[in-house]
């Protein structure tokens, strides 16, 4: 990518919901998500500015009260701090909801944050610790000699390195492919819709059968949706306009709210739903860090990567890429 600042790629098109409630107890990824959410508390202690504007809590409900109750019970039995709220409480907390559900699951430890701003905070902290950056340039190739990495070629320059960490999401497929390596990375497109507004509307992340919405610190309303490209009637702009009609139906909003942007991000995924972290066996010194959900996992994966590269400590939470 040739972007001038951090978070301009798929990170900047992420919804920014740090949670475990969307995970499935019993799946291998669930324990990983729980550890990742806990890591955010350590991040808050080590780097307070990273989360200064994060908003806590989410409300989730299904199509029927019975399904919502089952969701609450599932996560309570898994040990999560969730609570089933009745309609009167939901209406008090979120007065702009037009159709208040009979009940909803309150997941109090969830965080809503700005992924691009968080990425910028990470980079600023790295610079303060002595790192350097080269934004606005493209990595042309990974250079190797005698079966190990020697550096990366950037524009007309070569940066020497003993270890190269590939953390470029779906772009890893291209970089590794040029070395004849199939990492198994696929992409899962997601659509982030931004609606310009100047007043507070919702206090928490709301996820119901028809809508997944949160409000940013500048009062922009954000909606996340899965995306499949399928003709002009289903292009991002058209979906954004249809979603606006749904949002107007679900929330008490003025008529002058408008769609500000509709951006597709290609989330890097693997077929088993787990991320990958570790040295690739084909080339010495070449390390891969990739997977979804990147925003949730970022602080934990960053620490685990550093521990393996610097100290040789290998985690059992995430599969290696061999």
Protein backbone atom coordinates (compact mmCIF):
# COMPACT_ATOMS: atom_id res chain seq x y z
CA UNK A 1 0.00 0.00 0.00
CA UNK A 2 1.20 3.53 -0.73
CA UNK A 3 -0.73 5.32 1.98
CA UNK A 4 0.60 8.43 3.77
CA UNK A 5 -0.45 7.36 7.27
CA UNK A 6 -1.33 4.26 9.31
CA UNK A 7 -4.79 2.76 9.15
CA UNK A 8 -5.60 3.71 5.56
CA UNK A 9 -6.26 0.15 4.40
CA UNK A 10 -8.62 -2.48 5.78
CA UNK A 11 -7.94 -1.21 9.33
CA UNK A 12 -9.61 2.10 8.52
CA UNK A 13 -12.62 0.21 7.14
CA UNK A 14 -13.14 -1.84 10.29
CA UNK A 15 -16.18 -1.30 12.53
CA UNK A 16 -14.04 -1.13 15.68
CA UNK A 17 -15.99 -3.43 18.02
CA UNK A 18 -13.78 -5.16 20.60
CA UNK A 19 -15.86 -8.00 22.02
CA UNK A 20 -16.32 -11.67 22.82
CA UNK A 21 -20.12 -11.68 22.49
CA UNK A 22 -19.89 -12.31 18.73
CA UNK A 23 -17.69 -15.36 19.32
CA UNK A 24 -18.87 -18.93 19.78
CA UNK A 25 -18.11 -20.67 23.09
CA UNK A 26 -16.35 -23.96 22.41
CA UNK A 27 -14.72 -22.79 19.19
CA UNK A 28 -10.93 -22.55 19.26
CA UNK A 29 -11.15 -18.83 18.50
CA UNK A 30 -13.26 -18.12 21.61
CA UNK A 31 -10.42 -18.55 24.10
CA UNK A 32 -8.27 -16.40 21.85
CA UNK A 33 -10.88 -13.60 21.75
CA UNK A 34 -11.21 -13.68 25.53
CA UNK A 35 -7.46 -13.33 25.95
CA UNK A 36 -7.43 -10.53 23.36
CA UNK A 37 -10.14 -8.52 25.14
CA UNK A 38 -8.25 -8.92 28.42
CA UNK A 39 -5.13 -7.66 26.64
CA UNK A 40 -6.92 -4.36 26.00
CA UNK A 41 -6.94 -3.74 29.74
CA UNK A 42 -3.17 -4.20 29.80
CA UNK A 43 -2.91 -1.89 26.80
CA UNK A 44 -4.95 0.74 28.65
CA UNK A 45 -2.48 0.61 31.54
CA UNK A 46 0.61 0.71 29.31
CA UNK A 47 -0.65 3.19 26.71
CA UNK A 48 -3.61 5.17 28.14
CA UNK A 49 -3.93 7.44 25.11
CA UNK A 50 -4.81 4.43 22.94
CA UNK A 51 -8.28 4.12 24.46
CA UNK A 52 -9.09 7.59 25.76
CA UNK A 53 -12.15 7.95 23.49
CA UNK A 54 -13.30 4.32 23.43
CA UNK A 55 -16.95 3.82 24.35
CA UNK A 56 -17.87 0.82 26.53
CA UNK A 57 -20.76 -1.61 26.26
CA UNK A 58 -23.04 -3.13 23.64
CA UNK A 59 -26.67 -4.24 23.42
CA UNK A 60 -27.50 -7.30 21.30
CA UNK A 61 -30.86 -8.87 20.60
CA UNK A 62 -32.13 -11.58 18.28
CA UNK A 63 -35.35 -11.95 16.32
CA UNK A 64 -37.22 -13.42 19.31
CA UNK A 65 -36.88 -12.99 23.08
CA UNK A 66 -36.20 -16.72 23.39
CA UNK A 67 -33.19 -16.47 21.07
CA UNK A 68 -31.89 -13.46 23.01
CA UNK A 69 -32.26 -15.31 26.29
CA UNK A 70 -30.37 -18.27 24.82
CA UNK A 71 -27.56 -15.95 23.74
CA UNK A 72 -27.28 -14.51 27.25
CA UNK A 73 -27.32 -17.97 28.83
CA UNK A 74 -24.68 -19.29 26.41
CA UNK A 75 -22.19 -16.56 27.29
CA UNK A 76 -23.01 -16.49 31.00
CA UNK A 77 -22.26 -20.22 31.20
CA UNK A 78 -18.98 -19.51 29.39
CA UNK A 79 -18.08 -17.09 32.19
CA UNK A 80 -18.63 -13.80 30.37
CA UNK A 81 -19.80 -10.64 32.13
CA UNK A 82 -23.13 -10.24 30.31
CA UNK A 83 -26.58 -9.37 31.60
CA UNK A 84 -30.06 -9.78 30.20
CA UNK A 85 -31.88 -6.43 30.28
CA UNK A 86 -35.65 -5.90 30.09
CA UNK A 87 -37.42 -3.51 27.75
CA UNK A 88 -37.86 -0.64 30.22
CA UNK A 89 -34.11 -0.46 30.88
CA UNK A 90 -33.26 -0.60 27.16
CA UNK A 91 -35.74 2.19 26.45
CA UNK A 92 -34.19 4.34 29.18
CA UNK A 93 -30.64 3.70 27.97
CA UNK A 94 -31.36 4.12 24.25
CA UNK A 95 -34.36 6.46 23.88
CA UNK A 96 -33.88 6.85 20.10
CA UNK A 97 -34.83 3.23 19.45
CA UNK A 98 -38.20 3.14 17.70
CA UNK A 99 -38.83 -0.58 18.31
CA UNK A 100 -37.44 -1.44 21.70
CA UNK A 101 -36.93 -5.21 22.00
CA UNK A 102 -38.49 -7.14 24.86
CA UNK A 103 -34.98 -7.96 26.10
CA UNK A 104 -31.36 -7.53 25.08
CA UNK A 105 -27.96 -8.82 26.15
CA UNK A 106 -25.77 -6.15 27.72
CA UNK A 107 -22.08 -6.93 27.20
CA UNK A 108 -20.46 -4.36 29.47
CA UNK A 109 -16.79 -5.01 28.71
CA UNK A 110 -17.10 -4.41 24.95
CA UNK A 111 -15.31 -1.41 23.48
CA UNK A 112 -16.14 0.75 20.46
CA UNK A 113 -13.05 2.49 19.11
CA UNK A 114 -11.60 4.16 16.03
CA UNK A 115 -9.26 1.58 14.44
CA UNK A 116 -7.37 4.10 12.28
CA UNK A 117 -6.73 6.40 15.21
CA UNK A 118 -5.65 3.42 17.31
CA UNK A 119 -3.19 2.38 14.59
CA UNK A 120 -1.79 5.92 14.61
CA UNK A 121 -1.34 5.72 18.38
CA UNK A 122 0.59 2.47 18.02
CA UNK A 123 2.88 4.02 15.42
CA UNK A 124 3.46 7.15 17.53
CA UNK A 125 4.44 4.96 20.49
CA UNK A 126 6.81 2.95 18.30
CA UNK A 127 8.45 6.12 17.01
CA UNK A 128 8.88 7.37 20.56
CA UNK A 129 10.64 4.08 21.36
CA UNK A 130 13.11 4.54 18.49
CA UNK A 131 11.37 2.99 15.48
CA UNK A 132 11.27 4.57 12.03
CA UNK A 133 8.55 4.60 9.38
CA UNK A 134 8.39 4.84 5.59
CA UNK A 135 4.77 5.66 4.72
CA UNK A 136 3.85 6.64 1.19
CA UNK A 137 6.09 3.96 -0.32
CA UNK A 138 5.37 0.52 -1.70
CA UNK A 139 7.17 -2.68 -0.75
CA UNK A 140 8.24 -3.94 -4.16
CA UNK A 141 9.63 -7.29 -3.01
CA UNK A 142 11.12 -9.32 -0.18
CA UNK A 143 14.76 -10.06 -0.92
CA UNK A 144 16.41 -13.34 0.05
CA UNK A 145 19.77 -15.08 -0.24
CA UNK A 146 20.68 -18.68 0.54
CA UNK A 147 17.24 -19.49 1.86
CA UNK A 148 16.83 -16.60 4.28
CA UNK A 149 15.58 -13.02 4.16
CA UNK A 150 18.05 -10.18 3.65
CA UNK A 151 15.71 -7.19 3.38
CA UNK A 152 12.87 -5.53 1.50
CA UNK A 153 12.97 -3.47 -1.65
CA UNK A 154 11.12 -0.17 -1.27
CA UNK A 155 10.94 2.06 -4.36
CA UNK A 156 14.58 2.47 -5.39
CA UNK A 157 16.00 1.53 -1.97
CA UNK A 158 16.70 -1.71 -0.12
CA UNK A 159 16.20 -1.93 3.64
CA UNK A 160 18.37 -4.64 5.18
CA UNK A 161 16.77 -6.91 7.78
CA UNK A 162 17.39 -10.16 9.64
CA UNK A 163 13.68 -10.69 10.30
CA UNK A 164 10.76 -9.48 8.20
CA UNK A 165 7.26 -9.45 9.68
CA UNK A 166 4.49 -9.61 7.08
CA UNK A 167 1.44 -8.01 8.69
CA UNK A 168 -0.12 -6.52 5.55
CA UNK A 169 -3.40 -8.43 5.60
CA UNK A 170 -4.50 -9.72 2.21
CA UNK A 171 -1.42 -8.17 0.57
CA UNK A 172 0.63 -10.92 2.22
CA UNK A 173 -0.69 -13.27 -0.46
CA UNK A 174 1.10 -11.24 -3.15
CA UNK A 175 4.35 -10.75 -1.24
CA UNK A 176 4.60 -14.40 -0.22
CA UNK A 177 3.41 -15.57 -3.62
CA UNK A 178 6.39 -13.91 -5.28
CA UNK A 179 8.56 -16.25 -3.21
CA UNK A 180 6.48 -19.26 -4.24
CA UNK A 181 4.79 -19.52 -0.83
CA UNK A 182 1.07 -20.20 -0.45
CA UNK A 183 0.06 -18.88 2.96
CA UNK A 184 -3.59 -19.93 2.65
CA UNK A 185 -4.86 -16.39 3.14
CA UNK A 186 -8.25 -15.62 1.65
CA UNK A 187 -10.34 -12.46 1.80
CA UNK A 188 -13.76 -11.74 3.25
CA UNK A 189 -15.13 -8.36 2.09
CA UNK A 190 -16.96 -6.19 4.61
CA UNK A 191 -18.72 -2.88 4.10
CA UNK A 192 -18.37 0.06 6.47
CA UNK A 193 -20.99 2.78 6.06
CA UNK A 194 -20.55 6.24 7.59
CA UNK A 195 -23.48 8.62 8.04
CA UNK A 196 -22.82 12.27 8.82
CA UNK A 197 -24.66 13.59 11.86
CA UNK A 198 -23.94 16.22 14.52
CA UNK A 199 -25.88 15.02 17.56
CA UNK A 200 -25.68 12.01 19.91
CA UNK A 201 -28.03 9.20 18.90
CA UNK A 202 -26.88 5.95 20.50
CA UNK A 203 -24.73 5.51 23.59
CA UNK A 204 -23.62 1.93 22.96
CA UNK A 205 -23.09 -0.44 20.08
CA UNK A 206 -26.50 -1.74 19.03
CA UNK A 207 -26.90 -5.00 17.17
CA UNK A 208 -30.34 -6.27 16.23
CA UNK A 209 -31.66 -8.47 13.41
CA UNK A 210 -31.74 -5.54 10.95
CA UNK A 211 -28.91 -3.27 12.03
CA UNK A 212 -25.44 -3.11 13.57
CA UNK A 213 -24.65 0.50 14.46
CA UNK A 214 -22.45 2.60 16.71
CA UNK A 215 -21.65 6.31 16.99
CA UNK A 216 -18.14 7.74 16.80
CA UNK A 217 -16.76 10.49 19.02
CA UNK A 218 -17.51 13.06 16.27
CA UNK A 219 -21.13 11.74 16.17
CA UNK A 220 -20.70 10.00 12.82
CA UNK A 221 -22.94 6.94 12.73
CA UNK A 222 -21.22 3.77 11.57
CA UNK A 223 -22.89 0.64 10.24
CA UNK A 224 -21.10 -2.63 9.45
CA UNK A 225 -22.33 -5.17 6.90
CA UNK A 226 -20.99 -8.21 5.10
CA UNK A 227 -20.52 -7.52 1.41
CA UNK A 228 -20.83 -9.48 -1.81
CA UNK A 229 -20.32 -7.61 -5.07
CA UNK A 230 -23.36 -8.38 -7.19
CA UNK A 231 -24.28 -5.78 -9.79
CA UNK A 232 -25.08 -2.08 -9.67
CA UNK A 233 -28.08 -2.54 -7.37
CA UNK A 234 -25.75 -4.02 -4.75
CA UNK A 235 -22.79 -1.67 -5.02
CA UNK A 236 -21.63 -0.04 -1.76
CA UNK A 237 -23.42 3.25 -2.41
CA UNK A 238 -26.74 1.54 -3.17
CA UNK A 239 -26.47 -0.65 -0.07
CA UNK A 240 -25.65 2.45 1.96
CA UNK A 241 -28.80 4.21 0.78
CA UNK A 242 -30.99 1.19 1.51
CA UNK A 243 -29.39 0.80 4.92
CA UNK A 244 -30.16 4.44 5.64
CA UNK A 245 -33.85 3.69 5.14
CA UNK A 246 -33.57 0.80 7.60
CA UNK A 247 -31.73 3.00 10.09
CA UNK A 248 -34.42 5.69 9.83
CA UNK A 249 -37.00 2.99 10.52
CA UNK A 250 -35.13 1.62 13.53
CA UNK A 251 -33.95 4.91 15.08
CA UNK A 252 -35.52 8.30 15.68
CA UNK A 253 -33.40 10.35 13.23
CA UNK A 254 -33.92 13.61 11.33
CA UNK A 255 -34.51 13.61 7.59
CA UNK A 256 -31.27 15.46 6.83
CA UNK A 257 -28.91 12.64 7.81
CA UNK A 258 -26.85 11.55 4.78
CA UNK A 259 -24.53 8.76 3.72
CA UNK A 260 -20.99 10.17 3.91
CA UNK A 261 -19.01 7.15 2.67
CA UNK A 262 -19.31 3.47 1.82
CA UNK A 263 -16.01 1.59 1.92
CA UNK A 264 -15.21 -2.06 1.36
CA UNK A 265 -12.39 -3.68 3.32
CA UNK A 266 -10.92 -7.08 2.39
CA UNK A 267 -10.50 -8.84 5.72
CA UNK A 268 -7.75 -11.49 5.72
CA UNK A 269 -9.08 -14.88 6.82
CA UNK A 270 -8.14 -18.55 6.91
CA UNK A 271 -10.55 -21.41 6.27
CA UNK A 272 -10.55 -22.56 9.92
CA UNK A 273 -11.45 -19.10 11.20
CA UNK A 274 -8.21 -18.79 13.15
CA UNK A 275 -5.39 -16.28 12.54
CA UNK A 276 -1.80 -17.29 11.80
CA UNK A 277 1.32 -16.20 13.60
CA UNK A 278 4.87 -17.48 13.22
CA UNK A 279 7.94 -18.01 11.09
CA UNK A 280 7.32 -19.48 7.66
CA UNK A 281 9.30 -22.69 7.18
CA UNK A 282 10.18 -21.99 3.53
CA UNK A 283 12.38 -18.94 4.17
CA UNK A 284 14.41 -18.31 7.34
CA UNK A 285 13.55 -15.03 9.04
CA UNK A 286 10.19 -14.52 7.31
CA UNK A 287 7.38 -14.10 9.84
CA UNK A 288 3.64 -13.89 9.17
CA UNK A 289 0.96 -12.18 11.28
CA UNK A 290 -2.51 -12.24 9.75
CA UNK A 291 -6.14 -13.02 10.45
CA UNK A 292 -9.54 -11.75 11.45
CA UNK A 293 -10.71 -9.99 13.62
CA UNK A 294 -7.59 -7.86 13.41
CA UNK A 295 -8.71 -4.96 15.60
CA UNK A 296 -9.72 -7.26 18.46
CA UNK A 297 -6.54 -9.31 18.23
CA UNK A 298 -4.00 -6.54 17.53
CA UNK A 299 -2.63 -5.83 21.05
CA UNK A 300 -2.41 -9.53 21.92
CA UNK A 301 -0.88 -10.57 18.61
CA UNK A 302 1.61 -7.72 18.82
CA UNK A 303 2.82 -8.94 22.20
CA UNK A 304 2.92 -12.59 21.15
CA UNK A 305 4.87 -11.71 18.01
CA UNK A 306 7.46 -9.77 19.98
CA UNK A 307 7.81 -12.59 22.50
CA UNK A 308 8.44 -15.18 19.81
CA UNK A 309 10.87 -13.12 17.73
CA UNK A 310 12.84 -11.65 20.64
CA UNK A 311 12.60 -14.37 23.28
CA UNK A 312 11.73 -17.53 21.36
CA UNK A 313 8.48 -18.01 23.33
CA UNK A 314 5.85 -19.70 21.20
CA UNK A 315 2.13 -19.32 21.98
CA UNK A 316 -0.33 -22.20 21.89
CA UNK A 317 -3.27 -19.87 21.33
CA UNK A 318 -2.66 -19.39 17.59
CA UNK A 319 -1.69 -21.95 14.93
CA UNK A 320 1.73 -21.56 13.36
CA UNK A 321 1.80 -21.20 9.56
CA UNK A 322 3.71 -24.38 8.75
